[in-house]
Amino acid sequence: PDDTLDGTLPDWHLATHVHPSIERARYLPFLLDKLSLVY
């Protein structure tokens, strides 16, 4: 249940905000190497 994890999740380390395009997909492996969230 969602409420059982409230307040226990550690802070996530990194979020990356991108302007997406086919060409920029080549840079996703670098973001995923750091387990970055993508917005």
PDB file of all heavy atoms in Angstrom:
ATOM      1  N   PRO A   1       0.830  -1.217   0.000  1.00  0.00           N
ATOM      2  CA  PRO A   1       0.000   0.000   0.000  1.00  0.00           C
ATOM      3  C   PRO A   1       0.861   1.262   0.000  1.00  0.00           C
ATOM      4  O   PRO A   1       1.902   1.329   0.657  1.00  0.00           O
ATOM      5  CB  PRO A   1      -0.795  -0.120   1.308  1.00  0.00           C
ATOM      6  CG  PRO A   1      -0.795  -1.580   1.628  1.00  0.00           C
ATOM      7  CD  PRO A   1       0.524  -2.100   1.137  1.00  0.00           C
ATOM      8  N   ASP A   2       0.400   2.264  -0.745  1.00  0.00           N
ATOM      9  CA  ASP A   2       1.180   3.499  -0.879  1.00  0.00           C
ATOM     10  C   ASP A   2       1.448   4.153   0.469  1.00  0.00           C
ATOM     11  O   ASP A   2       2.553   4.642   0.717  1.00  0.00           O
ATOM     12  CB  ASP A   2       0.439   4.487  -1.788  1.00  0.00           C
ATOM     13  CG  ASP A   2       0.419   4.019  -3.234  1.00  0.00           C
ATOM     14  OD1 ASP A   2       1.231   3.151  -3.590  1.00  0.00           O
ATOM     15  OD2 ASP A   2      -0.408   4.529  -4.005  1.00  0.00           O
ATOM     16  N   ASP A   3       0.450   4.171   1.353  1.00  0.00           N
ATOM     17  CA  ASP A   3       0.603   4.929   2.595  1.00  0.00           C
ATOM     18  C   ASP A   3       1.622   4.297   3.543  1.00  0.00           C
ATOM     19  O   ASP A   3       2.127   4.953   4.448  1.00  0.00           O
ATOM     20  CB  ASP A   3      -0.750   5.106   3.294  1.00  0.00           C
ATOM     21  CG  ASP A   3      -1.442   3.775   3.586  1.00  0.00           C
ATOM     22  OD1 ASP A   3      -0.868   2.715   3.281  1.00  0.00           O
ATOM     23  OD2 ASP A   3      -2.576   3.813   4.115  1.00  0.00           O
ATOM     24  N   THR A   4       1.958   3.015   3.340  1.00  0.00           N
ATOM     25  CA  THR A   4       2.939   2.390   4.226  1.00  0.00           C
ATOM     26  C   THR A   4       4.366   2.855   3.932  1.00  0.00           C
ATOM     27  O   THR A   4       5.261   2.675   4.752  1.00  0.00           O
ATOM     28  CB  THR A   4       2.888   0.858   4.110  1.00  0.00           C
ATOM     29  OG1 THR A   4       3.157   0.488   2.750  1.00  0.00           O
ATOM     30  CG2 THR A   4       1.523   0.327   4.517  1.00  0.00           C
ATOM     31  N   LEU A   5       4.568   3.458   2.762  1.00  0.00           N
ATOM     32  CA  LEU A   5       5.898   3.962   2.417  1.00  0.00           C
ATOM     33  C   LEU A   5       6.025   5.464   2.599  1.00  0.00           C
ATOM     34  O   LEU A   5       7.091   6.024   2.374  1.00  0.00           O
ATOM     35  CB  LEU A   5       6.228   3.606   0.960  1.00  0.00           C
ATOM     36  CG  LEU A   5       6.527   2.133   0.679  1.00  0.00           C
ATOM     37  CD1 LEU A   5       6.704   1.906  -0.817  1.00  0.00           C
ATOM     38  CD2 LEU A   5       7.770   1.678   1.426  1.00  0.00           C
ATOM     39  N   ASP A   6       4.949   6.114   2.974  1.00  0.00           N
ATOM     40  CA  ASP A   6       4.994   7.568   3.154  1.00  0.00           C
ATOM     41  C   ASP A   6       6.055   7.953   4.179  1.00  0.00           C
ATOM     42  O   ASP A   6       6.098   7.416   5.295  1.00  0.00           O
ATOM     43  CB  ASP A   6       3.630   8.088   3.624  1.00  0.00           C
ATOM     44  CG  ASP A   6       2.581   8.032   2.538  1.00  0.00           C
ATOM     45  OD1 ASP A   6       2.964   7.841   1.372  1.00  0.00           O
ATOM     46  OD2 ASP A   6       1.372   8.157   2.855  1.00  0.00           O
ATOM     47  N   GLY A   7       6.917   8.863   3.777  1.00  0.00           N
ATOM     48  CA  GLY A   7       7.938   9.369   4.688  1.00  0.00           C
ATOM     49  C   GLY A   7       9.158   8.486   4.832  1.00  0.00           C
ATOM     50  O   GLY A   7      10.082   8.840   5.579  1.00  0.00           O
ATOM     51  N   THR A   8       9.194   7.332   4.146  1.00  0.00           N
ATOM     52  CA  THR A   8      10.335   6.435   4.303  1.00  0.00           C
ATOM     53  C   THR A   8      11.260   6.434   3.083  1.00  0.00           C
ATOM     54  O   THR A   8      12.421   6.052   3.205  1.00  0.00           O
ATOM     55  CB  THR A   8       9.874   4.986   4.550  1.00  0.00           C
ATOM     56  OG1 THR A   8       9.144   4.524   3.403  1.00  0.00           O
ATOM     57  CG2 THR A   8       8.974   4.908   5.775  1.00  0.00           C
ATOM     58  N   LEU A   9      10.766   6.835   1.926  1.00  0.00           N
ATOM     59  CA  LEU A   9      11.601   6.800   0.725  1.00  0.00           C
ATOM     60  C   LEU A   9      12.767   7.780   0.857  1.00  0.00           C
ATOM     61  O   LEU A   9      12.566   8.942   1.201  1.00  0.00           O
ATOM     62  CB  LEU A   9      10.778   7.157  -0.513  1.00  0.00           C
ATOM     63  CG  LEU A   9       9.725   6.151  -0.968  1.00  0.00           C
ATOM     64  CD1 LEU A   9       8.961   6.709  -2.157  1.00  0.00           C
ATOM     65  CD2 LEU A   9      10.354   4.821  -1.309  1.00  0.00           C
ATOM     66  N   PRO A  10      13.976   7.337   0.581  1.00  0.00           N
ATOM     67  CA  PRO A  10      15.122   8.262   0.618  1.00  0.00           C
ATOM     68  C   PRO A  10      14.978   9.338  -0.457  1.00  0.00           C
ATOM     69  O   PRO A  10      14.275   9.153  -1.459  1.00  0.00           O
ATOM     70  CB  PRO A  10      16.317   7.353   0.314  1.00  0.00           C
ATOM     71  CG  PRO A  10      15.838   5.962   0.542  1.00  0.00           C
ATOM     72  CD  PRO A  10      14.377   5.965   0.252  1.00  0.00           C
ATOM     73  N   ASP A  11      15.655  10.453  -0.245  1.00  0.00           N
ATOM     74  CA  ASP A  11      15.697  11.483  -1.280  1.00  0.00           C
ATOM     75  C   ASP A  11      16.344  10.915  -2.533  1.00  0.00           C
ATOM     76  O   ASP A  11      17.374  10.234  -2.456  1.00  0.00           O
ATOM     77  CB  ASP A  11      16.490  12.702  -0.800  1.00  0.00           C
ATOM     78  CG  ASP A  11      15.705  13.556   0.178  1.00  0.00           C
ATOM     79  OD1 ASP A  11      14.471  13.418   0.217  1.00  0.00           O
ATOM     80  OD2 ASP A  11      16.334  14.355   0.885  1.00  0.00           O
ATOM     81  N   TRP A  12      15.716  11.183  -3.682  1.00  0.00           N
ATOM     82  CA  TRP A  12      16.337  10.772  -4.937  1.00  0.00           C
ATOM     83  C   TRP A  12      17.447  11.765  -5.266  1.00  0.00           C
ATOM     84  O   TRP A  12      17.375  12.942  -4.928  1.00  0.00           O
ATOM     85  CB  TRP A  12      15.303  10.731  -6.057  1.00  0.00           C
ATOM     86  CG  TRP A  12      15.744   9.889  -7.217  1.00  0.00           C
ATOM     87  CD1 TRP A  12      16.191  10.325  -8.423  1.00  0.00           C
ATOM     88  CD2 TRP A  12      15.781   8.463  -7.273  1.00  0.00           C
ATOM     89  NE1 TRP A  12      16.516   9.254  -9.227  1.00  0.00           N
ATOM     90  CE2 TRP A  12      16.273   8.095  -8.546  1.00  0.00           C
ATOM     91  CE3 TRP A  12      15.454   7.456  -6.348  1.00  0.00           C
ATOM     92  CZ2 TRP A  12      16.437   6.768  -8.933  1.00  0.00           C
ATOM     93  CZ3 TRP A  12      15.623   6.136  -6.736  1.00  0.00           C
ATOM     94  CH2 TRP A  12      16.102   5.808  -8.013  1.00  0.00           C
ATOM     95  N   HIS A  13      18.473  11.291  -5.926  1.00  0.00           N
ATOM     96  CA  HIS A  13      19.694  12.066  -6.083  1.00  0.00           C
ATOM     97  C   HIS A  13      19.666  13.034  -7.255  1.00  0.00           C
ATOM     98  O   HIS A  13      20.281  14.104  -7.191  1.00  0.00           O
ATOM     99  CB  HIS A  13      20.882  11.119  -6.247  1.00  0.00           C
ATOM    100  CG  HIS A  13      20.669  10.088  -7.308  1.00  0.00           C
ATOM    101  ND1 HIS A  13      19.849   9.003  -7.111  1.00  0.00           N
ATOM    102  CD2 HIS A  13      21.128   9.985  -8.575  1.00  0.00           C
ATOM    103  CE1 HIS A  13      19.825   8.271  -8.221  1.00  0.00           C
ATOM    104  NE2 HIS A  13      20.579   8.853  -9.125  1.00  0.00           N
ATOM    105  N   LEU A  14      18.954  12.696  -8.365  1.00  0.00           N
ATOM    106  CA  LEU A  14      19.111  13.498  -9.580  1.00  0.00           C
ATOM    107  C   LEU A  14      17.868  13.426 -10.455  1.00  0.00           C
ATOM    108  O   LEU A  14      17.298  12.351 -10.644  1.00  0.00           O
ATOM    109  CB  LEU A  14      20.322  12.993 -10.386  1.00  0.00           C
ATOM    110  CG  LEU A  14      20.644  13.711 -11.697  1.00  0.00           C
ATOM    111  CD1 LEU A  14      21.033  15.159 -11.451  1.00  0.00           C
ATOM    112  CD2 LEU A  14      21.776  12.979 -12.430  1.00  0.00           C
ATOM    113  N   ALA A  15      17.453  14.573 -10.957  1.00  0.00           N
ATOM    114  CA  ALA A  15      16.404  14.670 -11.975  1.00  0.00           C
ATOM    115  C   ALA A  15      16.932  15.541 -13.105  1.00  0.00           C
ATOM    116  O   ALA A  15      17.532  16.583 -12.863  1.00  0.00           O
ATOM    117  CB  ALA A  15      15.130  15.270 -11.390  1.00  0.00           C
ATOM    118  N   THR A  16      16.709  15.104 -14.345  1.00  0.00           N
ATOM    119  CA  THR A  16      17.171  15.860 -15.509  1.00  0.00           C
ATOM    120  C   THR A  16      15.979  16.321 -16.327  1.00  0.00           C
ATOM    121  O   THR A  16      15.088  15.531 -16.646  1.00  0.00           O
ATOM    122  CB  THR A  16      18.096  15.002 -16.396  1.00  0.00           C
ATOM    123  OG1 THR A  16      19.197  14.531 -15.609  1.00  0.00           O
ATOM    124  CG2 THR A  16      18.642  15.824 -17.555  1.00  0.00           C
ATOM    125  N   HIS A  17      15.975  17.595 -16.663  1.00  0.00           N
ATOM    126  CA  HIS A  17      14.896  18.204 -17.442  1.00  0.00           C
ATOM    127  C   HIS A  17      15.397  18.373 -18.866  1.00  0.00           C
ATOM    128  O   HIS A  17      16.409  19.044 -19.100  1.00  0.00           O
ATOM    129  CB  HIS A  17      14.501  19.547 -16.829  1.00  0.00           C
ATOM    130  CG  HIS A  17      14.137  19.442 -15.377  1.00  0.00           C
ATOM    131  ND1 HIS A  17      12.838  19.396 -14.934  1.00  0.00           N
ATOM    132  CD2 HIS A  17      14.922  19.337 -14.260  1.00  0.00           C
ATOM    133  CE1 HIS A  17      12.824  19.282 -13.613  1.00  0.00           C
ATOM    134  NE2 HIS A  17      14.083  19.245 -13.187  1.00  0.00           N
ATOM    135  N   VAL A  18      14.701  17.779 -19.825  1.00  0.00           N
ATOM    136  CA  VAL A  18      15.217  17.711 -21.188  1.00  0.00           C
ATOM    137  C   VAL A  18      14.240  18.339 -22.175  1.00  0.00           C
ATOM    138  O   VAL A  18      13.037  18.417 -21.935  1.00  0.00           O
ATOM    139  CB  VAL A  18      15.487  16.241 -21.600  1.00  0.00           C
ATOM    140  CG1 VAL A  18      16.486  15.591 -20.669  1.00  0.00           C
ATOM    141  CG2 VAL A  18      14.189  15.440 -21.634  1.00  0.00           C
ATOM    142  N   HIS A  19      14.805  18.785 -23.270  1.00  0.00           N
ATOM    143  CA  HIS A  19      14.033  19.178 -24.451  1.00  0.00           C
ATOM    144  C   HIS A  19      14.159  18.005 -25.414  1.00  0.00           C
ATOM    145  O   HIS A  19      15.178  17.870 -26.107  1.00  0.00           O
ATOM    146  CB  HIS A  19      14.591  20.466 -25.055  1.00  0.00           C
ATOM    147  CG  HIS A  19      13.816  20.966 -26.228  1.00  0.00           C
ATOM    148  ND1 HIS A  19      12.522  21.415 -26.126  1.00  0.00           N
ATOM    149  CD2 HIS A  19      14.146  21.067 -27.540  1.00  0.00           C
ATOM    150  CE1 HIS A  19      12.094  21.786 -27.323  1.00  0.00           C
ATOM    151  NE2 HIS A  19      13.059  21.576 -28.202  1.00  0.00           N
ATOM    152  N   PRO A  20      13.168  17.103 -25.480  1.00  0.00           N
ATOM    153  CA  PRO A  20      13.359  15.827 -26.169  1.00  0.00           C
ATOM    154  C   PRO A  20      13.385  15.962 -27.685  1.00  0.00           C
ATOM    155  O   PRO A  20      12.726  16.821 -28.267  1.00  0.00           O
ATOM    156  CB  PRO A  20      12.147  15.005 -25.720  1.00  0.00           C
ATOM    157  CG  PRO A  20      11.103  16.016 -25.399  1.00  0.00           C
ATOM    158  CD  PRO A  20      11.834  17.218 -24.868  1.00  0.00           C
ATOM    159  N   SER A  21      14.173  15.100 -28.302  1.00  0.00           N
ATOM    160  CA  SER A  21      14.220  14.998 -29.749  1.00  0.00           C
ATOM    161  C   SER A  21      14.843  13.656 -30.087  1.00  0.00           C
ATOM    162  O   SER A  21      15.490  13.018 -29.243  1.00  0.00           O
ATOM    163  CB  SER A  21      15.050  16.129 -30.361  1.00  0.00           C
ATOM    164  OG  SER A  21      16.418  15.983 -30.018  1.00  0.00           O
ATOM    165  N   ILE A  22      14.650  13.220 -31.327  1.00  0.00           N
ATOM    166  CA  ILE A  22      15.266  11.968 -31.764  1.00  0.00           C
ATOM    167  C   ILE A  22      16.776  12.040 -31.597  1.00  0.00           C
ATOM    168  O   ILE A  22      17.433  11.105 -31.121  1.00  0.00           O
ATOM    169  CB  ILE A  22      14.909  11.679 -33.236  1.00  0.00           C
ATOM    170  CG1 ILE A  22      13.404  11.386 -33.380  1.00  0.00           C
ATOM    171  CG2 ILE A  22      15.741  10.520 -33.771  1.00  0.00           C
ATOM    172  CD1 ILE A  22      12.961  10.090 -32.774  1.00  0.00           C
ATOM    173  N   GLU A  23      17.358  13.182 -31.963  1.00  0.00           N
ATOM    174  CA  GLU A  23      18.809  13.330 -31.894  1.00  0.00           C
ATOM    175  C   GLU A  23      19.318  13.235 -30.454  1.00  0.00           C
ATOM    176  O   GLU A  23      20.400  12.689 -30.206  1.00  0.00           O
ATOM    177  CB  GLU A  23      19.236  14.673 -32.506  1.00  0.00           C
ATOM    178  CG  GLU A  23      19.013  14.785 -34.013  1.00  0.00           C
ATOM    179  CD  GLU A  23      17.536  14.945 -34.371  1.00  0.00           C
ATOM    180  OE1 GLU A  23      16.742  15.384 -33.490  1.00  0.00           O
ATOM    181  OE2 GLU A  23      17.169  14.630 -35.514  1.00  0.00           O
ATOM    182  N   ARG A  24      18.551  13.764 -29.503  1.00  0.00           N
ATOM    183  CA  ARG A  24      19.016  13.776 -28.115  1.00  0.00           C
ATOM    184  C   ARG A  24      18.828  12.434 -27.418  1.00  0.00           C
ATOM    185  O   ARG A  24      19.300  12.253 -26.294  1.00  0.00           O
ATOM    186  CB  ARG A  24      18.306  14.879 -27.328  1.00  0.00           C
ATOM    187  CG  ARG A  24      18.773  16.273 -27.731  1.00  0.00           C
ATOM    188  CD  ARG A  24      18.363  17.322 -26.731  1.00  0.00           C
ATOM    189  NE  ARG A  24      18.999  18.595 -27.051  1.00  0.00           N
ATOM    190  CZ  ARG A  24      19.064  19.620 -26.213  1.00  0.00           C
ATOM    191  NH1 ARG A  24      18.523  19.524 -25.013  1.00  0.00           N
ATOM    192  NH2 ARG A  24      19.661  20.737 -26.572  1.00  0.00           N
ATOM    193  N   ALA A  25      18.161  11.492 -28.064  1.00  0.00           N
ATOM    194  CA  ALA A  25      18.017  10.168 -27.461  1.00  0.00           C
ATOM    195  C   ALA A  25      19.375   9.518 -27.229  1.00  0.00           C
ATOM    196  O   ALA A  25      19.524   8.681 -26.332  1.00  0.00           O
ATOM    197  CB  ALA A  25      17.156   9.281 -28.350  1.00  0.00           C
ATOM    198  N   ARG A  26      20.382   9.919 -27.986  1.00  0.00           N
ATOM    199  CA  ARG A  26      21.712   9.331 -27.818  1.00  0.00           C
ATOM    200  C   ARG A  26      22.320   9.675 -26.460  1.00  0.00           C
ATOM    201  O   ARG A  26      23.295   9.037 -26.027  1.00  0.00           O
ATOM    202  CB  ARG A  26      22.637   9.800 -28.940  1.00  0.00           C
ATOM    203  CG  ARG A  26      22.858  11.288 -28.981  1.00  0.00           C
ATOM    204  CD  ARG A  26      23.631  11.724 -30.207  1.00  0.00           C
ATOM    205  NE  ARG A  26      25.005  11.273 -30.174  1.00  0.00           N
ATOM    206  CZ  ARG A  26      26.000  11.940 -30.764  1.00  0.00           C
ATOM    207  NH1 ARG A  26      25.764  13.054 -31.417  1.00  0.00           N
ATOM    208  NH2 ARG A  26      27.222  11.480 -30.697  1.00  0.00           N
ATOM    209  N   TYR A  27      21.769  10.681 -25.778  1.00  0.00           N
ATOM    210  CA  TYR A  27      22.323  11.068 -24.482  1.00  0.00           C
ATOM    211  C   TYR A  27      21.597  10.424 -23.304  1.00  0.00           C
ATOM    212  O   TYR A  27      22.034  10.563 -22.162  1.00  0.00           O
ATOM    213  CB  TYR A  27      22.310  12.596 -24.348  1.00  0.00           C
ATOM    214  CG  TYR A  27      23.096  13.235 -25.458  1.00  0.00           C
ATOM    215  CD1 TYR A  27      22.476  14.000 -26.436  1.00  0.00           C
ATOM    216  CD2 TYR A  27      24.466  13.024 -25.564  1.00  0.00           C
ATOM    217  CE1 TYR A  27      23.196  14.558 -27.485  1.00  0.00           C
ATOM    218  CE2 TYR A  27      25.191  13.564 -26.612  1.00  0.00           C
ATOM    219  CZ  TYR A  27      24.554  14.326 -27.570  1.00  0.00           C
ATOM    220  OH  TYR A  27      25.272  14.848 -28.603  1.00  0.00           O
ATOM    221  N   LEU A  28      20.499   9.714 -23.571  1.00  0.00           N
ATOM    222  CA  LEU A  28      19.793   9.048 -22.475  1.00  0.00           C
ATOM    223  C   LEU A  28      20.663   8.017 -21.748  1.00  0.00           C
ATOM    224  O   LEU A  28      20.566   7.902 -20.513  1.00  0.00           O
ATOM    225  CB  LEU A  28      18.510   8.401 -22.988  1.00  0.00           C
ATOM    226  CG  LEU A  28      17.340   9.360 -23.223  1.00  0.00           C
ATOM    227  CD1 LEU A  28      16.189   8.651 -23.919  1.00  0.00           C
ATOM    228  CD2 LEU A  28      16.866   9.978 -21.913  1.00  0.00           C
ATOM    229  N   PRO A  29      21.504   7.232 -22.426  1.00  0.00           N
ATOM    230  CA  PRO A  29      22.347   6.292 -21.668  1.00  0.00           C
ATOM    231  C   PRO A  29      23.206   6.967 -20.607  1.00  0.00           C
ATOM    232  O   PRO A  29      23.451   6.385 -19.541  1.00  0.00           O
ATOM    233  CB  PRO A  29      23.213   5.638 -22.759  1.00  0.00           C
ATOM    234  CG  PRO A  29      22.380   5.721 -23.991  1.00  0.00           C
ATOM    235  CD  PRO A  29      21.661   7.036 -23.882  1.00  0.00           C
ATOM    236  N   PHE A  30      23.656   8.192 -20.843  1.00  0.00           N
ATOM    237  CA  PHE A  30      24.461   8.895 -19.848  1.00  0.00           C
ATOM    238  C   PHE A  30      23.613   9.262 -18.629  1.00  0.00           C
ATOM    239  O   PHE A  30      24.095   9.227 -17.497  1.00  0.00           O
ATOM    240  CB  PHE A  30      25.069  10.158 -20.462  1.00  0.00           C
ATOM    241  CG  PHE A  30      26.007   9.884 -21.601  1.00  0.00           C
ATOM    242  CD1 PHE A  30      25.581   9.972 -22.911  1.00  0.00           C
ATOM    243  CD2 PHE A  30      27.327   9.526 -21.353  1.00  0.00           C
ATOM    244  CE1 PHE A  30      26.438   9.727 -23.970  1.00  0.00           C
ATOM    245  CE2 PHE A  30      28.202   9.270 -22.401  1.00  0.00           C
ATOM    246  CZ  PHE A  30      27.758   9.365 -23.712  1.00  0.00           C
ATOM    247  N   LEU A  31      22.348   9.626 -18.855  1.00  0.00           N
ATOM    248  CA  LEU A  31      21.462   9.945 -17.741  1.00  0.00           C
ATOM    249  C   LEU A  31      21.107   8.685 -16.960  1.00  0.00           C
ATOM    250  O   LEU A  31      21.071   8.691 -15.722  1.00  0.00           O
ATOM    251  CB  LEU A  31      20.184  10.616 -18.259  1.00  0.00           C
ATOM    252  CG  LEU A  31      20.364  11.882 -19.098  1.00  0.00           C
ATOM    253  CD1 LEU A  31      19.004  12.480 -19.445  1.00  0.00           C
ATOM    254  CD2 LEU A  31      21.228  12.905 -18.376  1.00  0.00           C
ATOM    255  N   LEU A  32      20.843   7.595 -17.675  1.00  0.00           N
ATOM    256  CA  LEU A  32      20.456   6.357 -17.005  1.00  0.00           C
ATOM    257  C   LEU A  32      21.630   5.752 -16.244  1.00  0.00           C
ATOM    258  O   LEU A  32      21.431   5.043 -15.254  1.00  0.00           O
ATOM    259  CB  LEU A  32      19.909   5.364 -18.022  1.00  0.00           C
ATOM    260  CG  LEU A  32      18.701   5.842 -18.830  1.00  0.00           C
ATOM    261  CD1 LEU A  32      18.145   4.711 -19.685  1.00  0.00           C
ATOM    262  CD2 LEU A  32      17.617   6.399 -17.922  1.00  0.00           C
ATOM    263  N   ASP A  33      22.841   6.015 -16.686  1.00  0.00           N
ATOM    264  CA  ASP A  33      24.014   5.546 -15.950  1.00  0.00           C
ATOM    265  C   ASP A  33      24.013   6.085 -14.529  1.00  0.00           C
ATOM    266  O   ASP A  33      24.508   5.430 -13.607  1.00  0.00           O
ATOM    267  CB  ASP A  33      25.283   5.976 -16.683  1.00  0.00           C
ATOM    268  CG  ASP A  33      26.546   5.519 -15.979  1.00  0.00           C
ATOM    269  OD1 ASP A  33      26.636   4.319 -15.649  1.00  0.00           O
ATOM    270  OD2 ASP A  33      27.446   6.343 -15.764  1.00  0.00           O
ATOM    271  N   LYS A  34      23.427   7.267 -14.334  1.00  0.00           N
ATOM    272  CA  LYS A  34      23.334   7.865 -12.999  1.00  0.00           C
ATOM    273  C   LYS A  34      21.961   7.642 -12.374  1.00  0.00           C
ATOM    274  O   LYS A  34      21.647   8.223 -11.331  1.00  0.00           O
ATOM    275  CB  LYS A  34      23.618   9.368 -13.085  1.00  0.00           C
ATOM    276  CG  LYS A  34      24.977   9.706 -13.682  1.00  0.00           C
ATOM    277  CD  LYS A  34      25.161  11.202 -13.800  1.00  0.00           C
ATOM    278  CE  LYS A  34      26.494  11.537 -14.433  1.00  0.00           C
ATOM    279  NZ  LYS A  34      26.594  11.117 -15.837  1.00  0.00           N
ATOM    280  N   LEU A  35      21.124   6.829 -13.022  1.00  0.00           N
ATOM    281  CA  LEU A  35      19.752   6.599 -12.563  1.00  0.00           C
ATOM    282  C   LEU A  35      19.017   7.925 -12.361  1.00  0.00           C
ATOM    283  O   LEU A  35      18.313   8.125 -11.363  1.00  0.00           O
ATOM    284  CB  LEU A  35      19.728   5.777 -11.268  1.00  0.00           C
ATOM    285  CG  LEU A  35      19.820   4.270 -11.421  1.00  0.00           C
ATOM    286  CD1 LEU A  35      19.672   3.594 -10.065  1.00  0.00           C
ATOM    287  CD2 LEU A  35      18.790   3.714 -12.388  1.00  0.00           C
ATOM    288  N   SER A  36      19.183   8.830 -13.301  1.00  0.00           N
ATOM    289  CA  SER A  36      18.470  10.103 -13.226  1.00  0.00           C
ATOM    290  C   SER A  36      17.021   9.913 -13.638  1.00  0.00           C
ATOM    291  O   SER A  36      16.713   9.174 -14.578  1.00  0.00           O
ATOM    292  CB  SER A  36      19.124  11.128 -14.153  1.00  0.00           C
ATOM    293  OG  SER A  36      18.381  12.331 -14.175  1.00  0.00           O
ATOM    294  N   LEU A  37      16.121  10.566 -12.927  1.00  0.00           N
ATOM    295  CA  LEU A  37      14.757  10.707 -13.413  1.00  0.00           C
ATOM    296  C   LEU A  37      14.775  11.663 -14.601  1.00  0.00           C
ATOM    297  O   LEU A  37      15.659  12.516 -14.705  1.00  0.00           O
ATOM    298  CB  LEU A  37      13.848  11.255 -12.314  1.00  0.00           C
ATOM    299  CG  LEU A  37      13.772  10.425 -11.023  1.00  0.00           C
ATOM    300  CD1 LEU A  37      12.970  11.177  -9.962  1.00  0.00           C
ATOM    301  CD2 LEU A  37      13.162   9.064 -11.287  1.00  0.00           C
ATOM    302  N   VAL A  38      13.801  11.539 -15.496  1.00  0.00           N
ATOM    303  CA  VAL A  38      13.739  12.400 -16.676  1.00  0.00           C
ATOM    304  C   VAL A  38      12.397  13.108 -16.715  1.00  0.00           C
ATOM    305  O   VAL A  38      11.340  12.472 -16.617  1.00  0.00           O
ATOM    306  CB  VAL A  38      13.945  11.593 -17.971  1.00  0.00           C
ATOM    307  CG1 VAL A  38      13.774  12.489 -19.200  1.00  0.00           C
ATOM    308  CG2 VAL A  38      15.337  10.954 -17.987  1.00  0.00           C
ATOM    309  N   TYR A  39      12.451  14.429 -16.835  1.00  0.00           N
ATOM    310  CA  TYR A  39      11.257  15.270 -16.953  1.00  0.00           C
ATOM    311  C   TYR A  39      11.358  16.090 -18.236  1.00  0.00           C
ATOM    312  O   TYR A  39      12.458  16.402 -18.695  1.00  0.00           O
ATOM    313  CB  TYR A  39      11.138  16.227 -15.760  1.00  0.00           C
ATOM    314  CG  TYR A  39      10.871  15.562 -14.440  1.00  0.00           C
ATOM    315  CD1 TYR A  39      11.918  15.053 -13.670  1.00  0.00           C
ATOM    316  CD2 TYR A  39       9.572  15.446 -13.938  1.00  0.00           C
ATOM    317  CE1 TYR A  39      11.675  14.438 -12.447  1.00  0.00           C
ATOM    318  CE2 TYR A  39       9.323  14.832 -12.710  1.00  0.00           C
ATOM    319  CZ  TYR A  39      10.381  14.332 -11.975  1.00  0.00           C
ATOM    320  OH  TYR A  39      10.132  13.721 -10.773  1.00  0.00           O
TER     321      TYR A  39
END
